[in-house]
Amino acid sequence: MEVGYSTSRCVSDCLFANCFYDGKYCKYPESNGWGVEDAGKLIIREQLRQYFIFKSDQSKWWDYVLSYDDECIDLVTVDECSAKIIKKLGLDKGKIDNLVEKSFGNEDNEVLRI
């Protein structure tokens, strides 16, 4: 599974909302991020979550992705929606969240670097 992201740099006013590591890994949401201040970061974190769900249990990854697409319709509630689906599928949310957080090192993200 490939995690999608853009590595192009953006101007300083968008770094906080859409990028990690001072613009190294960015995601520019369509429209204006649906009014969510850190839309790009939320999208990247969700992509990482999906990556680690795939790595943890490939048989449940597809169910997660389909449910996420149907149920998680806005970025305001993306974390709560994702947690609900993870629980429904019997996945370990703590483990997935820990893997996402551990992927962020001091100067780089080991998964996004791939």
PDB file of N, CA and C in Angstrom:
ATOM      1  N   MET A   1       0.847  -1.189   0.000  1.00  0.00           N
ATOM      2  CA  MET A   1       0.000   0.000   0.000  1.00  0.00           C
ATOM      3  C   MET A   1       0.874   1.228   0.000  1.00  0.00           C
ATOM      4  N   GLU A   2       0.564   2.157  -0.829  1.00  0.00           N
ATOM      5  CA  GLU A   2       1.335   3.383  -0.901  1.00  0.00           C
ATOM      6  C   GLU A   2       0.576   4.487  -0.185  1.00  0.00           C
ATOM      7  N   VAL A   3       1.256   5.214   0.677  1.00  0.00           N
ATOM      8  CA  VAL A   3       0.657   6.342   1.367  1.00  0.00           C
ATOM      9  C   VAL A   3       0.806   7.544   0.458  1.00  0.00           C
ATOM     10  N   GLY A   4      -0.312   8.216   0.152  1.00  0.00           N
ATOM     11  CA  GLY A   4      -0.252   9.365  -0.723  1.00  0.00           C
ATOM     12  C   GLY A   4       0.039  10.641   0.031  1.00  0.00           C
ATOM     13  N   TYR A   5       0.936  11.444  -0.492  1.00  0.00           N
ATOM     14  CA  TYR A   5       1.245  12.732   0.096  1.00  0.00           C
ATOM     15  C   TYR A   5       2.030  13.553  -0.908  1.00  0.00           C
ATOM     16  N   SER A   6       2.088  14.812  -0.680  1.00  0.00           N
ATOM     17  CA  SER A   6       2.849  15.700  -1.535  1.00  0.00           C
ATOM     18  C   SER A   6       4.066  16.189  -0.768  1.00  0.00           C
ATOM     19  N   THR A   7       5.209  16.198  -1.379  1.00  0.00           N
ATOM     20  CA  THR A   7       6.412  16.673  -0.704  1.00  0.00           C
ATOM     21  C   THR A   7       6.798  18.072  -1.159  1.00  0.00           C
ATOM     22  N   SER A   8       5.959  18.705  -1.939  1.00  0.00           N
ATOM     23  CA  SER A   8       6.289  20.058  -2.369  1.00  0.00           C
ATOM     24  C   SER A   8       6.185  21.033  -1.206  1.00  0.00           C
ATOM     25  N   ARG A   9       6.992  22.037  -1.231  1.00  0.00           N
ATOM     26  CA  ARG A   9       7.010  23.052  -0.168  1.00  0.00           C
ATOM     27  C   ARG A   9       5.868  24.044  -0.388  1.00  0.00           C
ATOM     28  N   CYS A  10       5.371  24.599   0.680  1.00  0.00           N
ATOM     29  CA  CYS A  10       4.354  25.634   0.563  1.00  0.00           C
ATOM     30  C   CYS A  10       4.831  26.860   1.320  1.00  0.00           C
ATOM     31  N   VAL A  11       4.170  27.969   1.105  1.00  0.00           N
ATOM     32  CA  VAL A  11       4.545  29.194   1.798  1.00  0.00           C
ATOM     33  C   VAL A  11       4.213  29.075   3.278  1.00  0.00           C
ATOM     34  N   SER A  12       4.835  29.891   4.088  1.00  0.00           N
ATOM     35  CA  SER A  12       4.782  29.736   5.544  1.00  0.00           C
ATOM     36  C   SER A  12       3.381  29.722   6.137  1.00  0.00           C
ATOM     37  N   ASP A  13       2.428  30.417   5.534  1.00  0.00           N
ATOM     38  CA  ASP A  13       1.095  30.466   6.132  1.00  0.00           C
ATOM     39  C   ASP A  13       0.335  29.149   6.028  1.00  0.00           C
ATOM     40  N   CYS A  14       0.764  28.242   5.177  1.00  0.00           N
ATOM     41  CA  CYS A  14       0.068  26.955   5.078  1.00  0.00           C
ATOM     42  C   CYS A  14       0.837  25.820   5.746  1.00  0.00           C
ATOM     43  N   LEU A  15       2.064  26.063   6.164  1.00  0.00           N
ATOM     44  CA  LEU A  15       2.867  25.000   6.762  1.00  0.00           C
ATOM     45  C   LEU A  15       2.202  24.386   7.979  1.00  0.00           C
ATOM     46  N   PHE A  16       1.708  25.217   8.874  1.00  0.00           N
ATOM     47  CA  PHE A  16       1.120  24.713  10.109  1.00  0.00           C
ATOM     48  C   PHE A  16      -0.082  23.818   9.838  1.00  0.00           C
ATOM     49  N   ALA A  17      -0.919  24.229   8.926  1.00  0.00           N
ATOM     50  CA  ALA A  17      -2.173  23.526   8.694  1.00  0.00           C
ATOM     51  C   ALA A  17      -2.039  22.268   7.852  1.00  0.00           C
ATOM     52  N   ASN A  18      -1.102  22.233   6.972  1.00  0.00           N
ATOM     53  CA  ASN A  18      -1.086  21.177   5.968  1.00  0.00           C
ATOM     54  C   ASN A  18       0.171  20.332   5.912  1.00  0.00           C
ATOM     55  N   CYS A  19       1.167  20.662   6.703  1.00  0.00           N
ATOM     56  CA  CYS A  19       2.470  20.021   6.530  1.00  0.00           C
ATOM     57  C   CYS A  19       3.086  19.549   7.840  1.00  0.00           C
ATOM     58  N   PHE A  20       3.969  18.600   7.702  1.00  0.00           N
ATOM     59  CA  PHE A  20       4.837  18.159   8.783  1.00  0.00           C
ATOM     60  C   PHE A  20       6.275  18.461   8.373  1.00  0.00           C
ATOM     61  N   TYR A  21       7.117  18.653   9.343  1.00  0.00           N
ATOM     62  CA  TYR A  21       8.550  18.863   9.122  1.00  0.00           C
ATOM     63  C   TYR A  21       8.815  20.040   8.191  1.00  0.00           C
ATOM     64  N   ASP A  22       8.210  21.184   8.537  1.00  0.00           N
ATOM     65  CA  ASP A  22       8.440  22.447   7.807  1.00  0.00           C
ATOM     66  C   ASP A  22       8.224  22.332   6.308  1.00  0.00           C
ATOM     67  N   GLY A  23       7.207  21.613   5.913  1.00  0.00           N
ATOM     68  CA  GLY A  23       6.845  21.529   4.505  1.00  0.00           C
ATOM     69  C   GLY A  23       7.384  20.332   3.767  1.00  0.00           C
ATOM     70  N   LYS A  24       8.026  19.437   4.468  1.00  0.00           N
ATOM     71  CA  LYS A  24       8.570  18.257   3.796  1.00  0.00           C
ATOM     72  C   LYS A  24       7.464  17.311   3.332  1.00  0.00           C
ATOM     73  N   TYR A  25       6.452  17.109   4.175  1.00  0.00           N
ATOM     74  CA  TYR A  25       5.320  16.244   3.847  1.00  0.00           C
ATOM     75  C   TYR A  25       4.043  17.070   3.987  1.00  0.00           C
ATOM     76  N   CYS A  26       3.385  17.294   2.859  1.00  0.00           N
ATOM     77  CA  CYS A  26       2.205  18.153   2.851  1.00  0.00           C
ATOM     78  C   CYS A  26       1.048  17.477   2.124  1.00  0.00           C
ATOM     79  N   LYS A  27      -0.132  17.859   2.514  1.00  0.00           N
ATOM     80  CA  LYS A  27      -1.333  17.473   1.779  1.00  0.00           C
ATOM     81  C   LYS A  27      -2.195  18.711   1.712  1.00  0.00           C
ATOM     82  N   TYR A  28      -2.518  19.121   0.499  1.00  0.00           N
ATOM     83  CA  TYR A  28      -3.341  20.302   0.309  1.00  0.00           C
ATOM     84  C   TYR A  28      -4.760  19.850  -0.001  1.00  0.00           C
ATOM     85  N   PRO A  29      -5.661  19.984   0.952  1.00  0.00           N
ATOM     86  CA  PRO A  29      -7.034  19.513   0.733  1.00  0.00           C
ATOM     87  C   PRO A  29      -7.752  20.332  -0.331  1.00  0.00           C
ATOM     88  N   GLU A  30      -8.617  19.644  -1.072  1.00  0.00           N
ATOM     89  CA  GLU A  30      -9.440  20.341  -2.035  1.00  0.00           C
ATOM     90  C   GLU A  30     -10.345  21.305  -1.276  1.00  0.00           C
ATOM     91  N   SER A  31     -10.869  22.246  -1.951  1.00  0.00           N
ATOM     92  CA  SER A  31     -11.608  23.377  -1.375  1.00  0.00           C
ATOM     93  C   SER A  31     -10.730  23.992  -0.300  1.00  0.00           C
ATOM     94  N   ASN A  32     -11.232  24.327   0.834  1.00  0.00           N
ATOM     95  CA  ASN A  32     -10.387  24.964   1.845  1.00  0.00           C
ATOM     96  C   ASN A  32     -10.230  24.080   3.074  1.00  0.00           C
ATOM     97  N   GLY A  33     -10.267  22.788   2.885  1.00  0.00           N
ATOM     98  CA  GLY A  33     -10.124  21.885   4.022  1.00  0.00           C
ATOM     99  C   GLY A  33     -11.424  21.761   4.788  1.00  0.00           C
ATOM    100  N   TRP A  34     -12.513  22.135   4.153  1.00  0.00           N
ATOM    101  CA  TRP A  34     -13.831  22.035   4.770  1.00  0.00           C
ATOM    102  C   TRP A  34     -13.906  22.812   6.085  1.00  0.00           C
ATOM    103  N   GLY A  35     -13.152  23.912   6.149  1.00  0.00           N
ATOM    104  CA  GLY A  35     -13.200  24.754   7.332  1.00  0.00           C
ATOM    105  C   GLY A  35     -12.426  24.223   8.520  1.00  0.00           C
ATOM    106  N   VAL A  36     -11.593  23.231   8.329  1.00  0.00           N
ATOM    107  CA  VAL A  36     -10.807  22.650   9.410  1.00  0.00           C
ATOM    108  C   VAL A  36      -9.402  23.233   9.341  1.00  0.00           C
ATOM    109  N   GLU A  37      -8.934  23.800  10.450  1.00  0.00           N
ATOM    110  CA  GLU A  37      -7.660  24.516  10.464  1.00  0.00           C
ATOM    111  C   GLU A  37      -6.475  23.650  10.061  1.00  0.00           C
ATOM    112  N   ASP A  38      -6.399  22.433  10.557  1.00  0.00           N
ATOM    113  CA  ASP A  38      -5.256  21.567  10.263  1.00  0.00           C
ATOM    114  C   ASP A  38      -5.641  20.411   9.336  1.00  0.00           C
ATOM    115  N   ALA A  39      -6.372  20.739   8.291  1.00  0.00           N
ATOM    116  CA  ALA A  39      -6.922  19.730   7.381  1.00  0.00           C
ATOM    117  C   ALA A  39      -5.856  18.840   6.771  1.00  0.00           C
ATOM    118  N   GLY A  40      -4.785  19.422   6.283  1.00  0.00           N
ATOM    119  CA  GLY A  40      -3.741  18.624   5.654  1.00  0.00           C
ATOM    120  C   GLY A  40      -3.128  17.618   6.599  1.00  0.00           C
ATOM    121  N   LYS A  41      -2.872  18.047   7.836  1.00  0.00           N
ATOM    122  CA  LYS A  41      -2.300  17.136   8.831  1.00  0.00           C
ATOM    123  C   LYS A  41      -3.272  16.013   9.174  1.00  0.00           C
ATOM    124  N   LEU A  42      -4.553  16.338   9.266  1.00  0.00           N
ATOM    125  CA  LEU A  42      -5.554  15.297   9.547  1.00  0.00           C
ATOM    126  C   LEU A  42      -5.584  14.252   8.440  1.00  0.00           C
ATOM    127  N   ILE A  43      -5.484  14.702   7.216  1.00  0.00           N
ATOM    128  CA  ILE A  43      -5.513  13.782   6.077  1.00  0.00           C
ATOM    129  C   ILE A  43      -4.272  12.887   6.093  1.00  0.00           C
ATOM    130  N   ILE A  44      -3.118  13.465   6.367  1.00  0.00           N
ATOM    131  CA  ILE A  44      -1.884  12.671   6.423  1.00  0.00           C
ATOM    132  C   ILE A  44      -1.961  11.652   7.548  1.00  0.00           C
ATOM    133  N   ARG A  45      -2.450  12.067   8.716  1.00  0.00           N
ATOM    134  CA  ARG A  45      -2.580  11.123   9.841  1.00  0.00           C
ATOM    135  C   ARG A  45      -3.540   9.990   9.484  1.00  0.00           C
ATOM    136  N   GLU A  46      -4.616  10.294   8.774  1.00  0.00           N
ATOM    137  CA  GLU A  46      -5.547   9.238   8.358  1.00  0.00           C
ATOM    138  C   GLU A  46      -4.873   8.296   7.374  1.00  0.00           C
ATOM    139  N   GLN A  47      -4.083   8.818   6.472  1.00  0.00           N
ATOM    140  CA  GLN A  47      -3.369   7.957   5.539  1.00  0.00           C
ATOM    141  C   GLN A  47      -2.406   7.037   6.281  1.00  0.00           C
ATOM    142  N   LEU A  48      -1.755   7.568   7.307  1.00  0.00           N
ATOM    143  CA  LEU A  48      -0.875   6.731   8.122  1.00  0.00           C
ATOM    144  C   LEU A  48      -1.675   5.672   8.877  1.00  0.00           C
ATOM    145  N   ARG A  49      -2.823   6.070   9.407  1.00  0.00           N
ATOM    146  CA  ARG A  49      -3.679   5.114  10.118  1.00  0.00           C
ATOM    147  C   ARG A  49      -4.069   3.980   9.186  1.00  0.00           C
ATOM    148  N   GLN A  50      -4.462   4.303   7.961  1.00  0.00           N
ATOM    149  CA  GLN A  50      -4.837   3.266   6.999  1.00  0.00           C
ATOM    150  C   GLN A  50      -3.646   2.380   6.640  1.00  0.00           C
ATOM    151  N   TYR A  51      -2.484   2.958   6.537  1.00  0.00           N
ATOM    152  CA  TYR A  51      -1.279   2.190   6.263  1.00  0.00           C
ATOM    153  C   TYR A  51      -1.039   1.160   7.369  1.00  0.00           C
ATOM    154  N   PHE A  52      -1.149   1.593   8.633  1.00  0.00           N
ATOM    155  CA  PHE A  52      -0.884   0.676   9.736  1.00  0.00           C
ATOM    156  C   PHE A  52      -2.009  -0.331   9.939  1.00  0.00           C
ATOM    157  N   ILE A  53      -3.224   0.012   9.578  1.00  0.00           N
ATOM    158  CA  ILE A  53      -4.303  -0.978   9.598  1.00  0.00           C
ATOM    159  C   ILE A  53      -3.995  -2.059   8.560  1.00  0.00           C
ATOM    160  N   PHE A  54      -3.565  -1.641   7.391  1.00  0.00           N
ATOM    161  CA  PHE A  54      -3.184  -2.595   6.349  1.00  0.00           C
ATOM    162  C   PHE A  54      -2.061  -3.511   6.820  1.00  0.00           C
ATOM    163  N   LYS A  55      -1.034  -2.923   7.444  1.00  0.00           N
ATOM    164  CA  LYS A  55       0.092  -3.709   7.934  1.00  0.00           C
ATOM    165  C   LYS A  55      -0.317  -4.649   9.063  1.00  0.00           C
ATOM    166  N   SER A  56      -1.304  -4.247   9.875  1.00  0.00           N
ATOM    167  CA  SER A  56      -1.736  -5.044  11.026  1.00  0.00           C
ATOM    168  C   SER A  56      -2.671  -6.178  10.629  1.00  0.00           C
ATOM    169  N   ASP A  57      -3.592  -5.909   9.694  1.00  0.00           N
ATOM    170  CA  ASP A  57      -4.588  -6.918   9.328  1.00  0.00           C
ATOM    171  C   ASP A  57      -5.137  -6.611   7.941  1.00  0.00           C
ATOM    172  N   GLN A  58      -4.487  -7.152   6.926  1.00  0.00           N
ATOM    173  CA  GLN A  58      -4.884  -6.861   5.557  1.00  0.00           C
ATOM    174  C   GLN A  58      -6.319  -7.268   5.254  1.00  0.00           C
ATOM    175  N   SER A  59      -6.792  -8.301   5.918  1.00  0.00           N
ATOM    176  CA  SER A  59      -8.157  -8.757   5.650  1.00  0.00           C
ATOM    177  C   SER A  59      -9.195  -7.747   6.133  1.00  0.00           C
ATOM    178  N   LYS A  60      -8.868  -6.951   7.137  1.00  0.00           N
ATOM    179  CA  LYS A  60      -9.807  -5.941   7.646  1.00  0.00           C
ATOM    180  C   LYS A  60      -9.572  -4.558   7.045  1.00  0.00           C
ATOM    181  N   TRP A  61      -8.448  -4.382   6.374  1.00  0.00           N
ATOM    182  CA  TRP A  61      -8.128  -3.081   5.795  1.00  0.00           C
ATOM    183  C   TRP A  61      -9.188  -2.646   4.783  1.00  0.00           C
ATOM    184  N   TRP A  62      -9.562  -3.542   3.893  1.00  0.00           N
ATOM    185  CA  TRP A  62     -10.546  -3.188   2.867  1.00  0.00           C
ATOM    186  C   TRP A  62     -11.880  -2.816   3.512  1.00  0.00           C
ATOM    187  N   ASP A  63     -12.302  -3.563   4.523  1.00  0.00           N
ATOM    188  CA  ASP A  63     -13.544  -3.229   5.236  1.00  0.00           C
ATOM    189  C   ASP A  63     -13.439  -1.847   5.872  1.00  0.00           C
ATOM    190  N   TYR A  64     -12.270  -1.557   6.426  1.00  0.00           N
ATOM    191  CA  TYR A  64     -12.057  -0.242   7.040  1.00  0.00           C
ATOM    192  C   TYR A  64     -12.176   0.866   5.992  1.00  0.00           C
ATOM    193  N   VAL A  65     -11.481   0.699   4.872  1.00  0.00           N
ATOM    194  CA  VAL A  65     -11.470   1.727   3.841  1.00  0.00           C
ATOM    195  C   VAL A  65     -12.877   1.971   3.286  1.00  0.00           C
ATOM    196  N   LEU A  66     -13.612   0.894   3.033  1.00  0.00           N
ATOM    197  CA  LEU A  66     -14.978   1.055   2.516  1.00  0.00           C
ATOM    198  C   LEU A  66     -15.883   1.739   3.540  1.00  0.00           C
ATOM    199  N   SER A  67     -15.785   1.329   4.804  1.00  0.00           N
ATOM    200  CA  SER A  67     -16.589   1.956   5.854  1.00  0.00           C
ATOM    201  C   SER A  67     -16.200   3.419   6.039  1.00  0.00           C
ATOM    202  N   TYR A  68     -14.903   3.690   6.008  1.00  0.00           N
ATOM    203  CA  TYR A  68     -14.421   5.067   6.168  1.00  0.00           C
ATOM    204  C   TYR A  68     -14.985   5.946   5.052  1.00  0.00           C
ATOM    205  N   ASP A  69     -14.951   5.446   3.835  1.00  0.00           N
ATOM    206  CA  ASP A  69     -15.454   6.209   2.701  1.00  0.00           C
ATOM    207  C   ASP A  69     -16.949   6.495   2.830  1.00  0.00           C
ATOM    208  N   ASP A  70     -17.703   5.541   3.359  1.00  0.00           N
ATOM    209  CA  ASP A  70     -19.148   5.710   3.522  1.00  0.00           C
ATOM    210  C   ASP A  70     -19.522   6.566   4.728  1.00  0.00           C
ATOM    211  N   GLU A  71     -18.789   6.421   5.823  1.00  0.00           N
ATOM    212  CA  GLU A  71     -19.215   7.009   7.093  1.00  0.00           C
ATOM    213  C   GLU A  71     -18.499   8.293   7.493  1.00  0.00           C
ATOM    214  N   CYS A  72     -17.286   8.475   7.092  1.00  0.00           N
ATOM    215  CA  CYS A  72     -16.494   9.625   7.552  1.00  0.00           C
ATOM    216  C   CYS A  72     -16.553  10.715   6.502  1.00  0.00           C
ATOM    217  N   ILE A  73     -17.573  11.544   6.606  1.00  0.00           N
ATOM    218  CA  ILE A  73     -17.853  12.498   5.543  1.00  0.00           C
ATOM    219  C   ILE A  73     -17.240  13.874   5.747  1.00  0.00           C
ATOM    220  N   ASP A  74     -16.707  14.169   6.931  1.00  0.00           N
ATOM    221  CA  ASP A  74     -16.062  15.459   7.118  1.00  0.00           C
ATOM    222  C   ASP A  74     -14.852  15.342   8.033  1.00  0.00           C
ATOM    223  N   LEU A  75     -13.953  16.295   7.897  1.00  0.00           N
ATOM    224  CA  LEU A  75     -12.724  16.251   8.671  1.00  0.00           C
ATOM    225  C   LEU A  75     -12.916  16.637  10.132  1.00  0.00           C
ATOM    226  N   VAL A  76     -13.993  17.314  10.443  1.00  0.00           N
ATOM    227  CA  VAL A  76     -14.233  17.732  11.823  1.00  0.00           C
ATOM    228  C   VAL A  76     -14.327  16.515  12.741  1.00  0.00           C
ATOM    229  N   THR A  77     -14.924  15.438  12.259  1.00  0.00           N
ATOM    230  CA  THR A  77     -15.140  14.258  13.089  1.00  0.00           C
ATOM    231  C   THR A  77     -14.331  13.040  12.637  1.00  0.00           C
ATOM    232  N   VAL A  78     -13.293  13.267  11.847  1.00  0.00           N
ATOM    233  CA  VAL A  78     -12.563  12.145  11.254  1.00  0.00           C
ATOM    234  C   VAL A  78     -11.973  11.207  12.309  1.00  0.00           C
ATOM    235  N   ASP A  79     -11.416  11.740  13.372  1.00  0.00           N
ATOM    236  CA  ASP A  79     -10.814  10.875  14.388  1.00  0.00           C
ATOM    237  C   ASP A  79     -11.867  10.025  15.105  1.00  0.00           C
ATOM    238  N   GLU A  80     -12.995  10.629  15.452  1.00  0.00           N
ATOM    239  CA  GLU A  80     -14.060   9.885  16.126  1.00  0.00           C
ATOM    240  C   GLU A  80     -14.673   8.844  15.200  1.00  0.00           C
ATOM    241  N   CYS A  81     -14.852   9.207  13.954  1.00  0.00           N
ATOM    242  CA  CYS A  81     -15.425   8.289  12.974  1.00  0.00           C
ATOM    243  C   CYS A  81     -14.493   7.097  12.753  1.00  0.00           C
ATOM    244  N   SER A  82     -13.216   7.385  12.604  1.00  0.00           N
ATOM    245  CA  SER A  82     -12.237   6.322  12.422  1.00  0.00           C
ATOM    246  C   SER A  82     -12.226   5.386  13.626  1.00  0.00           C
ATOM    247  N   ALA A  83     -12.254   5.954  14.819  1.00  0.00           N
ATOM    248  CA  ALA A  83     -12.237   5.137  16.041  1.00  0.00           C
ATOM    249  C   ALA A  83     -13.441   4.208  16.098  1.00  0.00           C
ATOM    250  N   LYS A  84     -14.594   4.698  15.668  1.00  0.00           N
ATOM    251  CA  LYS A  84     -15.810   3.882  15.655  1.00  0.00           C
ATOM    252  C   LYS A  84     -15.661   2.685  14.713  1.00  0.00           C
ATOM    253  N   ILE A  85     -15.090   2.917  13.555  1.00  0.00           N
ATOM    254  CA  ILE A  85     -14.909   1.840  12.582  1.00  0.00           C
ATOM    255  C   ILE A  85     -13.866   0.839  13.075  1.00  0.00           C
ATOM    256  N   ILE A  86     -12.788   1.342  13.639  1.00  0.00           N
ATOM    257  CA  ILE A  86     -11.743   0.463  14.177  1.00  0.00           C
ATOM    258  C   ILE A  86     -12.331  -0.452  15.245  1.00  0.00           C
ATOM    259  N   LYS A  87     -13.145   0.111  16.114  1.00  0.00           N
ATOM    260  CA  LYS A  87     -13.776  -0.690  17.167  1.00  0.00           C
ATOM    261  C   LYS A  87     -14.728  -1.725  16.564  1.00  0.00           C
ATOM    262  N   LYS A  88     -15.542  -1.293  15.596  1.00  0.00           N
ATOM    263  CA  LYS A  88     -16.502  -2.188  14.941  1.00  0.00           C
ATOM    264  C   LYS A  88     -15.798  -3.385  14.297  1.00  0.00           C
ATOM    265  N   LEU A  89     -14.604  -3.159  13.766  1.00  0.00           N
ATOM    266  CA  LEU A  89     -13.866  -4.219  13.090  1.00  0.00           C
ATOM    267  C   LEU A  89     -13.022  -5.056  14.045  1.00  0.00           C
ATOM    268  N   GLY A  90     -13.017  -4.687  15.310  1.00  0.00           N
ATOM    269  CA  GLY A  90     -12.267  -5.453  16.299  1.00  0.00           C
ATOM    270  C   GLY A  90     -10.761  -5.229  16.231  1.00  0.00           C
ATOM    271  N   LEU A  91     -10.357  -4.096  15.678  1.00  0.00           N
ATOM    272  CA  LEU A  91      -8.939  -3.759  15.618  1.00  0.00           C
ATOM    273  C   LEU A  91      -8.524  -3.048  16.905  1.00  0.00           C
ATOM    274  N   ASP A  92      -7.247  -3.042  17.189  1.00  0.00           N
ATOM    275  CA  ASP A  92      -6.717  -2.419  18.397  1.00  0.00           C
ATOM    276  C   ASP A  92      -6.374  -0.958  18.108  1.00  0.00           C
ATOM    277  N   LYS A  93      -7.275  -0.042  18.500  1.00  0.00           N
ATOM    278  CA  LYS A  93      -7.081   1.379  18.232  1.00  0.00           C
ATOM    279  C   LYS A  93      -5.812   1.903  18.880  1.00  0.00           C
ATOM    280  N   GLY A  94      -5.542   1.492  20.112  1.00  0.00           N
ATOM    281  CA  GLY A  94      -4.345   1.940  20.808  1.00  0.00           C
ATOM    282  C   GLY A  94      -3.080   1.566  20.058  1.00  0.00           C
ATOM    283  N   LYS A  95      -3.061   0.358  19.532  1.00  0.00           N
ATOM    284  CA  LYS A  95      -1.898  -0.117  18.775  1.00  0.00           C
ATOM    285  C   LYS A  95      -1.723   0.703  17.503  1.00  0.00           C
ATOM    286  N   ILE A  96      -2.820   0.932  16.784  1.00  0.00           N
ATOM    287  CA  ILE A  96      -2.761   1.700  15.539  1.00  0.00           C
ATOM    288  C   ILE A  96      -2.299   3.127  15.831  1.00  0.00           C
ATOM    289  N   ASP A  97      -2.901   3.766  16.833  1.00  0.00           N
ATOM    290  CA  ASP A  97      -2.514   5.133  17.192  1.00  0.00           C
ATOM    291  C   ASP A  97      -1.049   5.203  17.602  1.00  0.00           C
ATOM    292  N   ASN A  98      -0.591   4.217  18.348  1.00  0.00           N
ATOM    293  CA  ASN A  98       0.799   4.188  18.777  1.00  0.00           C
ATOM    294  C   ASN A  98       1.747   4.073  17.579  1.00  0.00           C
ATOM    295  N   LEU A  99       1.396   3.246  16.614  1.00  0.00           N
ATOM    296  CA  LEU A  99       2.222   3.104  15.419  1.00  0.00           C
ATOM    297  C   LEU A  99       2.276   4.406  14.624  1.00  0.00           C
ATOM    298  N   VAL A 100       1.140   5.097  14.532  1.00  0.00           N
ATOM    299  CA  VAL A 100       1.122   6.391  13.836  1.00  0.00           C
ATOM    300  C   VAL A 100       2.055   7.367  14.540  1.00  0.00           C
ATOM    301  N   GLU A 101       1.925   7.484  15.840  1.00  0.00           N
ATOM    302  CA  GLU A 101       2.753   8.428  16.597  1.00  0.00           C
ATOM    303  C   GLU A 101       4.226   8.051  16.550  1.00  0.00           C
ATOM    304  N   LYS A 102       4.527   6.763  16.647  1.00  0.00           N
ATOM    305  CA  LYS A 102       5.921   6.320  16.609  1.00  0.00           C
ATOM    306  C   LYS A 102       6.563   6.564  15.249  1.00  0.00           C
ATOM    307  N   SER A 103       5.758   6.658  14.195  1.00  0.00           N
ATOM    308  CA  SER A 103       6.317   6.886  12.866  1.00  0.00           C
ATOM    309  C   SER A 103       6.935   8.278  12.738  1.00  0.00           C
ATOM    310  N   PHE A 104       6.528   9.181  13.623  1.00  0.00           N
ATOM    311  CA  PHE A 104       7.083  10.531  13.609  1.00  0.00           C
ATOM    312  C   PHE A 104       8.341  10.573  14.470  1.00  0.00           C
ATOM    313  N   GLY A 105       9.479  10.756  13.840  1.00  0.00           N
ATOM    314  CA  GLY A 105      10.733  10.901  14.566  1.00  0.00           C
ATOM    315  C   GLY A 105      11.030  12.370  14.770  1.00  0.00           C
ATOM    316  N   ASN A 106      12.206  12.659  15.249  1.00  0.00           N
ATOM    317  CA  ASN A 106      12.581  14.047  15.489  1.00  0.00           C
ATOM    318  C   ASN A 106      12.708  14.856  14.208  1.00  0.00           C
ATOM    319  N   GLU A 107      13.163  14.229  13.141  1.00  0.00           N
ATOM    320  CA  GLU A 107      13.416  14.986  11.922  1.00  0.00           C
ATOM    321  C   GLU A 107      12.748  14.420  10.675  1.00  0.00           C
ATOM    322  N   ASP A 108      12.051  13.302  10.816  1.00  0.00           N
ATOM    323  CA  ASP A 108      11.455  12.681   9.644  1.00  0.00           C
ATOM    324  C   ASP A 108      10.399  11.674  10.068  1.00  0.00           C
ATOM    325  N   ASN A 109       9.580  11.249   9.122  1.00  0.00           N
ATOM    326  CA  ASN A 109       8.598  10.206   9.374  1.00  0.00           C
ATOM    327  C   ASN A 109       9.019   8.977   8.585  1.00  0.00           C
ATOM    328  N   GLU A 110       9.246   7.908   9.295  1.00  0.00           N
ATOM    329  CA  GLU A 110       9.793   6.701   8.656  1.00  0.00           C
ATOM    330  C   GLU A 110       8.886   6.107   7.586  1.00  0.00           C
ATOM    331  N   VAL A 111       7.585   6.285   7.689  1.00  0.00           N
ATOM    332  CA  VAL A 111       6.661   5.738   6.697  1.00  0.00           C
ATOM    333  C   VAL A 111       6.531   6.685   5.510  1.00  0.00           C
ATOM    334  N   LEU A 112       6.376   7.960   5.775  1.00  0.00           N
ATOM    335  CA  LEU A 112       6.216   8.917   4.683  1.00  0.00           C
ATOM    336  C   LEU A 112       7.484   9.013   3.840  1.00  0.00           C
ATOM    337  N   ARG A 113       8.600   8.695   4.418  1.00  0.00           N
ATOM    338  CA  ARG A 113       9.882   8.731   3.718  1.00  0.00           C
ATOM    339  C   ARG A 113       9.957   7.661   2.634  1.00  0.00           C
ATOM    340  N   ILE A 114       9.212   6.567   2.801  1.00  0.00           N
ATOM    341  CA  ILE A 114       9.272   5.435   1.874  1.00  0.00           C
ATOM    342  C   ILE A 114       8.909   5.850   0.462  1.00  0.00           C
TER     343      ILE A 114
END
